[in-house]
Amino acid sequence: MVFRGLLLTLVGLAIGLAGSFALARYIRSPLYEVSARDPASFTTVAITLTVVALLACWIPTRRALSIDPATALRTE
């Protein structure tokens, strides 16, 4: 489950970063003393989103693996 979630995250990041680079020239004017294609900003956002997605996939998976399957099926 974690692998599938991270795969979707990486695909989304790739599409989002490509779109951001393509559209960066349109938001150049409202930015103050920051380049529209600032590598630090893009890197920080990509790392933050990846960490949040990893936690969002890992925490429920860890909780699900800690439950005995027979007990879970009996309560349903």
PDB file of N, CA and C in Angstrom:
ATOM      1  N   MET A   1       0.814  -1.197   0.000  1.00  0.00           N
ATOM      2  CA  MET A   1       0.000   0.000   0.000  1.00  0.00           C
ATOM      3  C   MET A   1       0.860   1.264   0.000  1.00  0.00           C
ATOM      4  N   VAL A   2       1.944   1.207   0.740  1.00  0.00           N
ATOM      5  CA  VAL A   2       2.819   2.380   0.798  1.00  0.00           C
ATOM      6  C   VAL A   2       3.445   2.630  -0.569  1.00  0.00           C
ATOM      7  N   PHE A   3       3.857   1.559  -1.242  1.00  0.00           N
ATOM      8  CA  PHE A   3       4.470   1.707  -2.564  1.00  0.00           C
ATOM      9  C   PHE A   3       3.498   2.319  -3.562  1.00  0.00           C
ATOM     10  N   ARG A   4       2.247   1.844  -3.557  1.00  0.00           N
ATOM     11  CA  ARG A   4       1.252   2.396  -4.486  1.00  0.00           C
ATOM     12  C   ARG A   4       0.982   3.875  -4.206  1.00  0.00           C
ATOM     13  N   GLY A   5       0.891   4.218  -2.937  1.00  0.00           N
ATOM     14  CA  GLY A   5       0.665   5.616  -2.581  1.00  0.00           C
ATOM     15  C   GLY A   5       1.814   6.509  -2.991  1.00  0.00           C
ATOM     16  N   LEU A   6       3.038   6.031  -2.771  1.00  0.00           N
ATOM     17  CA  LEU A   6       4.202   6.829  -3.165  1.00  0.00           C
ATOM     18  C   LEU A   6       4.347   6.901  -4.682  1.00  0.00           C
ATOM     19  N   LEU A   7       3.962   5.847  -5.372  1.00  0.00           N
ATOM     20  CA  LEU A   7       4.006   5.882  -6.834  1.00  0.00           C
ATOM     21  C   LEU A   7       3.057   6.947  -7.365  1.00  0.00           C
ATOM     22  N   LEU A   8       1.839   6.989  -6.826  1.00  0.00           N
ATOM     23  CA  LEU A   8       0.889   8.032  -7.233  1.00  0.00           C
ATOM     24  C   LEU A   8       1.401   9.427  -6.873  1.00  0.00           C
ATOM     25  N   THR A   9       2.050   9.523  -5.723  1.00  0.00           N
ATOM     26  CA  THR A   9       2.606  10.809  -5.302  1.00  0.00           C
ATOM     27  C   THR A   9       3.691  11.274  -6.254  1.00  0.00           C
ATOM     28  N   LEU A  10       4.586  10.380  -6.620  1.00  0.00           N
ATOM     29  CA  LEU A  10       5.680  10.746  -7.524  1.00  0.00           C
ATOM     30  C   LEU A  10       5.170  11.111  -8.913  1.00  0.00           C
ATOM     31  N   VAL A  11       4.147  10.408  -9.389  1.00  0.00           N
ATOM     32  CA  VAL A  11       3.555  10.765 -10.684  1.00  0.00           C
ATOM     33  C   VAL A  11       2.917  12.144 -10.599  1.00  0.00           C
ATOM     34  N   GLY A  12       2.197  12.399  -9.523  1.00  0.00           N
ATOM     35  CA  GLY A  12       1.587  13.711  -9.332  1.00  0.00           C
ATOM     36  C   GLY A  12       2.606  14.827  -9.201  1.00  0.00           C
ATOM     37  N   LEU A  13       3.693  14.543  -8.484  1.00  0.00           N
ATOM     38  CA  LEU A  13       4.760  15.540  -8.362  1.00  0.00           C
ATOM     39  C   LEU A  13       5.397  15.837  -9.710  1.00  0.00           C
ATOM     40  N   ALA A  14       5.642  14.813 -10.506  1.00  0.00           N
ATOM     41  CA  ALA A  14       6.248  15.017 -11.820  1.00  0.00           C
ATOM     42  C   ALA A  14       5.348  15.870 -12.713  1.00  0.00           C
ATOM     43  N   ILE A  15       4.056  15.558 -12.713  1.00  0.00           N
ATOM     44  CA  ILE A  15       3.119  16.342 -13.523  1.00  0.00           C
ATOM     45  C   ILE A  15       3.016  17.769 -12.995  1.00  0.00           C
ATOM     46  N   GLY A  16       2.943  17.905 -11.668  1.00  0.00           N
ATOM     47  CA  GLY A  16       2.835  19.239 -11.073  1.00  0.00           C
ATOM     48  C   GLY A  16       4.074  20.093 -11.290  1.00  0.00           C
ATOM     49  N   LEU A  17       5.242  19.494 -11.140  1.00  0.00           N
ATOM     50  CA  LEU A  17       6.478  20.260 -11.362  1.00  0.00           C
ATOM     51  C   LEU A  17       6.633  20.661 -12.816  1.00  0.00           C
ATOM     52  N   ALA A  18       6.276  19.757 -13.735  1.00  0.00           N
ATOM     53  CA  ALA A  18       6.343  20.106 -15.157  1.00  0.00           C
ATOM     54  C   ALA A  18       5.385  21.255 -15.472  1.00  0.00           C
ATOM     55  N   GLY A  19       4.181  21.179 -14.927  1.00  0.00           N
ATOM     56  CA  GLY A  19       3.223  22.259 -15.138  1.00  0.00           C
ATOM     57  C   GLY A  19       3.668  23.567 -14.504  1.00  0.00           C
ATOM     58  N   SER A  20       4.283  23.478 -13.344  1.00  0.00           N
ATOM     59  CA  SER A  20       4.759  24.680 -12.667  1.00  0.00           C
ATOM     60  C   SER A  20       5.883  25.351 -13.446  1.00  0.00           C
ATOM     61  N   PHE A  21       6.797  24.543 -13.957  1.00  0.00           N
ATOM     62  CA  PHE A  21       7.873  25.120 -14.760  1.00  0.00           C
ATOM     63  C   PHE A  21       7.326  25.745 -16.035  1.00  0.00           C
ATOM     64  N   ALA A  22       6.337  25.103 -16.634  1.00  0.00           N
ATOM     65  CA  ALA A  22       5.764  25.627 -17.867  1.00  0.00           C
ATOM     66  C   ALA A  22       4.997  26.930 -17.640  1.00  0.00           C
ATOM     67  N   LEU A  23       4.335  27.044 -16.495  1.00  0.00           N
ATOM     68  CA  LEU A  23       3.508  28.224 -16.227  1.00  0.00           C
ATOM     69  C   LEU A  23       4.203  29.265 -15.359  1.00  0.00           C
ATOM     70  N   ALA A  24       5.458  29.059 -15.017  1.00  0.00           N
ATOM     71  CA  ALA A  24       6.162  29.968 -14.107  1.00  0.00           C
ATOM     72  C   ALA A  24       6.309  31.372 -14.682  1.00  0.00           C
ATOM     73  N   ARG A  25       6.408  31.490 -15.972  1.00  0.00           N
ATOM     74  CA  ARG A  25       6.608  32.832 -16.543  1.00  0.00           C
ATOM     75  C   ARG A  25       5.376  33.715 -16.381  1.00  0.00           C
ATOM     76  N   TYR A  26       4.209  33.102 -16.181  1.00  0.00           N
ATOM     77  CA  TYR A  26       2.983  33.888 -16.018  1.00  0.00           C
ATOM     78  C   TYR A  26       2.827  34.483 -14.623  1.00  0.00           C
ATOM     79  N   ILE A  27       3.539  33.950 -13.637  1.00  0.00           N
ATOM     80  CA  ILE A  27       3.411  34.488 -12.278  1.00  0.00           C
ATOM     81  C   ILE A  27       4.651  35.274 -11.864  1.00  0.00           C
ATOM     82  N   ARG A  28       5.453  35.662 -12.805  1.00  0.00           N
ATOM     83  CA  ARG A  28       6.691  36.370 -12.502  1.00  0.00           C
ATOM     84  C   ARG A  28       6.433  37.734 -11.861  1.00  0.00           C
ATOM     85  N   SER A  29       5.430  38.455 -12.287  1.00  0.00           N
ATOM     86  CA  SER A  29       5.217  39.820 -11.809  1.00  0.00           C
ATOM     87  C   SER A  29       4.813  39.913 -10.336  1.00  0.00           C
ATOM     88  N   PRO A  30       3.968  39.054  -9.768  1.00  0.00           N
ATOM     89  CA  PRO A  30       3.603  39.239  -8.355  1.00  0.00           C
ATOM     90  C   PRO A  30       4.660  38.768  -7.356  1.00  0.00           C
ATOM     91  N   LEU A  31       5.702  38.115  -7.814  1.00  0.00           N
ATOM     92  CA  LEU A  31       6.733  37.627  -6.902  1.00  0.00           C
ATOM     93  C   LEU A  31       7.706  38.748  -6.554  1.00  0.00           C
ATOM     94  N   TYR A  32       8.087  38.819  -5.301  1.00  0.00           N
ATOM     95  CA  TYR A  32       8.979  39.876  -4.841  1.00  0.00           C
ATOM     96  C   TYR A  32      10.314  39.269  -4.434  1.00  0.00           C
ATOM     97  N   GLU A  33      11.362  39.604  -5.137  1.00  0.00           N
ATOM     98  CA  GLU A  33      12.731  39.162  -4.883  1.00  0.00           C
ATOM     99  C   GLU A  33      12.906  37.646  -4.881  1.00  0.00           C
ATOM    100  N   VAL A  34      12.036  36.962  -5.627  1.00  0.00           N
ATOM    101  CA  VAL A  34      12.162  35.512  -5.769  1.00  0.00           C
ATOM    102  C   VAL A  34      11.973  35.185  -7.243  1.00  0.00           C
ATOM    103  N   SER A  35      12.820  34.338  -7.752  1.00  0.00           N
ATOM    104  CA  SER A  35      12.698  33.915  -9.138  1.00  0.00           C
ATOM    105  C   SER A  35      11.458  33.033  -9.294  1.00  0.00           C
ATOM    106  N   ALA A  36      10.845  33.089 -10.455  1.00  0.00           N
ATOM    107  CA  ALA A  36       9.663  32.263 -10.709  1.00  0.00           C
ATOM    108  C   ALA A  36      10.027  30.790 -10.757  1.00  0.00           C
ATOM    109  N   ARG A  37      11.275  30.505 -11.048  1.00  0.00           N
ATOM    110  CA  ARG A  37      11.747  29.117 -11.100  1.00  0.00           C
ATOM    111  C   ARG A  37      12.816  28.893 -10.031  1.00  0.00           C
ATOM    112  N   ASP A  38      12.522  29.319  -8.823  1.00  0.00           N
ATOM    113  CA  ASP A  38      13.453  29.190  -7.706  1.00  0.00           C
ATOM    114  C   ASP A  38      13.616  27.717  -7.333  1.00  0.00           C
ATOM    115  N   PRO A  39      14.829  27.152  -7.481  1.00  0.00           N
ATOM    116  CA  PRO A  39      15.014  25.726  -7.188  1.00  0.00           C
ATOM    117  C   PRO A  39      14.774  25.380  -5.718  1.00  0.00           C
ATOM    118  N   ALA A  40      15.087  26.265  -4.809  1.00  0.00           N
ATOM    119  CA  ALA A  40      14.886  25.998  -3.387  1.00  0.00           C
ATOM    120  C   ALA A  40      13.389  25.845  -3.075  1.00  0.00           C
ATOM    121  N   SER A  41      12.568  26.682  -3.668  1.00  0.00           N
ATOM    122  CA  SER A  41      11.122  26.599  -3.438  1.00  0.00           C
ATOM    123  C   SER A  41      10.545  25.304  -4.003  1.00  0.00           C
ATOM    124  N   PHE A  42      10.936  24.977  -5.213  1.00  0.00           N
ATOM    125  CA  PHE A  42      10.435  23.748  -5.830  1.00  0.00           C
ATOM    126  C   PHE A  42      10.894  22.516  -5.056  1.00  0.00           C
ATOM    127  N   THR A  43      12.129  22.513  -4.607  1.00  0.00           N
ATOM    128  CA  THR A  43      12.655  21.380  -3.853  1.00  0.00           C
ATOM    129  C   THR A  43      11.952  21.246  -2.510  1.00  0.00           C
ATOM    130  N   THR A  44      11.761  22.353  -1.811  1.00  0.00           N
ATOM    131  CA  THR A  44      11.103  22.330  -0.514  1.00  0.00           C
ATOM    132  C   THR A  44       9.672  21.818  -0.627  1.00  0.00           C
ATOM    133  N   VAL A  45       8.955  22.285  -1.614  1.00  0.00           N
ATOM    134  CA  VAL A  45       7.566  21.844  -1.802  1.00  0.00           C
ATOM    135  C   VAL A  45       7.521  20.363  -2.161  1.00  0.00           C
ATOM    136  N   ALA A  46       8.396  19.918  -3.044  1.00  0.00           N
ATOM    137  CA  ALA A  46       8.403  18.513  -3.452  1.00  0.00           C
ATOM    138  C   ALA A  46       8.732  17.595  -2.276  1.00  0.00           C
ATOM    139  N   ILE A  47       9.719  17.969  -1.471  1.00  0.00           N
ATOM    140  CA  ILE A  47      10.093  17.152  -0.317  1.00  0.00           C
ATOM    141  C   ILE A  47       8.974  17.130   0.717  1.00  0.00           C
ATOM    142  N   THR A  48       8.382  18.285   0.981  1.00  0.00           N
ATOM    143  CA  THR A  48       7.293  18.358   1.962  1.00  0.00           C
ATOM    144  C   THR A  48       6.099  17.506   1.533  1.00  0.00           C
ATOM    145  N   LEU A  49       5.705  17.611   0.272  1.00  0.00           N
ATOM    146  CA  LEU A  49       4.573  16.816  -0.207  1.00  0.00           C
ATOM    147  C   LEU A  49       4.878  15.323  -0.180  1.00  0.00           C
ATOM    148  N   THR A  50       6.116  14.952  -0.475  1.00  0.00           N
ATOM    149  CA  THR A  50       6.490  13.543  -0.437  1.00  0.00           C
ATOM    150  C   THR A  50       6.457  13.000   0.986  1.00  0.00           C
ATOM    151  N   VAL A  51       6.941  13.768   1.950  1.00  0.00           N
ATOM    152  CA  VAL A  51       6.933  13.329   3.343  1.00  0.00           C
ATOM    153  C   VAL A  51       5.502  13.200   3.858  1.00  0.00           C
ATOM    154  N   VAL A  52       4.657  14.162   3.531  1.00  0.00           N
ATOM    155  CA  VAL A  52       3.256  14.105   3.965  1.00  0.00           C
ATOM    156  C   VAL A  52       2.550  12.904   3.334  1.00  0.00           C
ATOM    157  N   ALA A  53       2.799  12.646   2.060  1.00  0.00           N
ATOM    158  CA  ALA A  53       2.188  11.493   1.402  1.00  0.00           C
ATOM    159  C   ALA A  53       2.711  10.186   1.985  1.00  0.00           C
ATOM    160  N   LEU A  54       3.994  10.135   2.307  1.00  0.00           N
ATOM    161  CA  LEU A  54       4.556   8.931   2.923  1.00  0.00           C
ATOM    162  C   LEU A  54       3.891   8.651   4.264  1.00  0.00           C
ATOM    163  N   LEU A  55       3.728   9.680   5.081  1.00  0.00           N
ATOM    164  CA  LEU A  55       3.053   9.499   6.364  1.00  0.00           C
ATOM    165  C   LEU A  55       1.585   9.122   6.183  1.00  0.00           C
ATOM    166  N   ALA A  56       0.935   9.716   5.192  1.00  0.00           N
ATOM    167  CA  ALA A  56      -0.475   9.418   4.945  1.00  0.00           C
ATOM    168  C   ALA A  56      -0.669   7.981   4.471  1.00  0.00           C
ATOM    169  N   CYS A  57       0.335   7.399   3.856  1.00  0.00           N
ATOM    170  CA  CYS A  57       0.243   5.997   3.422  1.00  0.00           C
ATOM    171  C   CYS A  57       0.743   5.049   4.499  1.00  0.00           C
ATOM    172  N   TRP A  58       1.778   5.441   5.190  1.00  0.00           N
ATOM    173  CA  TRP A  58       2.447   4.537   6.125  1.00  0.00           C
ATOM    174  C   TRP A  58       1.660   4.333   7.421  1.00  0.00           C
ATOM    175  N   ILE A  59       1.093   5.385   7.983  1.00  0.00           N
ATOM    176  CA  ILE A  59       0.404   5.278   9.269  1.00  0.00           C
ATOM    177  C   ILE A  59      -0.806   4.331   9.189  1.00  0.00           C
ATOM    178  N   PRO A  60      -1.711   4.470   8.226  1.00  0.00           N
ATOM    179  CA  PRO A  60      -2.825   3.512   8.160  1.00  0.00           C
ATOM    180  C   PRO A  60      -2.368   2.080   7.842  1.00  0.00           C
ATOM    181  N   THR A  61      -1.319   1.955   7.023  1.00  0.00           N
ATOM    182  CA  THR A  61      -0.815   0.622   6.702  1.00  0.00           C
ATOM    183  C   THR A  61      -0.240  -0.042   7.945  1.00  0.00           C
ATOM    184  N   ARG A  62       0.488   0.706   8.732  1.00  0.00           N
ATOM    185  CA  ARG A  62       1.067   0.166   9.966  1.00  0.00           C
ATOM    186  C   ARG A  62      -0.027  -0.253  10.938  1.00  0.00           C
ATOM    187  N   ARG A  63      -1.073   0.552  11.051  1.00  0.00           N
ATOM    188  CA  ARG A  63      -2.186   0.206  11.943  1.00  0.00           C
ATOM    189  C   ARG A  63      -2.923  -1.033  11.444  1.00  0.00           C
ATOM    190  N   ALA A  64      -3.098  -1.143  10.133  1.00  0.00           N
ATOM    191  CA  ALA A  64      -3.799  -2.304   9.583  1.00  0.00           C
ATOM    192  C   ALA A  64      -2.985  -3.579   9.759  1.00  0.00           C
ATOM    193  N   LEU A  65      -1.674  -3.480   9.672  1.00  0.00           N
ATOM    194  CA  LEU A  65      -0.838  -4.662   9.832  1.00  0.00           C
ATOM    195  C   LEU A  65      -0.745  -5.125  11.282  1.00  0.00           C
ATOM    196  N   SER A  66      -1.073  -4.260  12.215  1.00  0.00           N
ATOM    197  CA  SER A  66      -0.979  -4.646  13.621  1.00  0.00           C
ATOM    198  C   SER A  66      -2.208  -5.424  14.096  1.00  0.00           C
ATOM    199  N   ILE A  67      -3.252  -5.474  13.284  1.00  0.00           N
ATOM    200  CA  ILE A  67      -4.484  -6.172  13.656  1.00  0.00           C
ATOM    201  C   ILE A  67      -4.461  -7.588  13.088  1.00  0.00           C
ATOM    202  N   ASP A  68      -4.874  -8.548  13.902  1.00  0.00           N
ATOM    203  CA  ASP A  68      -4.974  -9.934  13.453  1.00  0.00           C
ATOM    204  C   ASP A  68      -6.113 -10.038  12.432  1.00  0.00           C
ATOM    205  N   PRO A  69      -5.863 -10.608  11.239  1.00  0.00           N
ATOM    206  CA  PRO A  69      -6.914 -10.686  10.217  1.00  0.00           C
ATOM    207  C   PRO A  69      -8.155 -11.460  10.658  1.00  0.00           C
ATOM    208  N   ALA A  70      -7.955 -12.527  11.414  1.00  0.00           N
ATOM    209  CA  ALA A  70      -9.114 -13.307  11.868  1.00  0.00           C
ATOM    210  C   ALA A  70      -9.994 -12.497  12.817  1.00  0.00           C
ATOM    211  N   THR A  71      -9.369 -11.711  13.670  1.00  0.00           N
ATOM    212  CA  THR A  71     -10.131 -10.856  14.592  1.00  0.00           C
ATOM    213  C   THR A  71     -10.880  -9.774  13.823  1.00  0.00           C
ATOM    214  N   ALA A  72     -10.246  -9.202  12.844  1.00  0.00           N
ATOM    215  CA  ALA A  72     -10.900  -8.164  12.041  1.00  0.00           C
ATOM    216  C   ALA A  72     -12.089  -8.723  11.282  1.00  0.00           C
ATOM    217  N   LEU A  73     -11.948  -9.935  10.753  1.00  0.00           N
ATOM    218  CA  LEU A  73     -13.056 -10.550  10.022  1.00  0.00           C
ATOM    219  C   LEU A  73     -14.198 -10.948  10.951  1.00  0.00           C
ATOM    220  N   ARG A  74     -13.873 -11.347  12.156  1.00  0.00           N
ATOM    221  CA  ARG A  74     -14.914 -11.748  13.123  1.00  0.00           C
ATOM    222  C   ARG A  74     -15.768 -10.547  13.536  1.00  0.00           C
ATOM    223  N   THR A  75     -15.176  -9.396  13.659  1.00  0.00           N
ATOM    224  CA  THR A  75     -15.933  -8.222  14.099  1.00  0.00           C
ATOM    225  C   THR A  75     -16.784  -7.645  12.982  1.00  0.00           C
ATOM    226  N   GLU A  76     -16.502  -7.958  11.752  1.00  0.00           N
ATOM    227  CA  GLU A  76     -17.308  -7.469  10.635  1.00  0.00           C
ATOM    228  C   GLU A  76     -18.526  -8.273  10.582  1.00  0.00           C
TER     229      GLU A  76
END
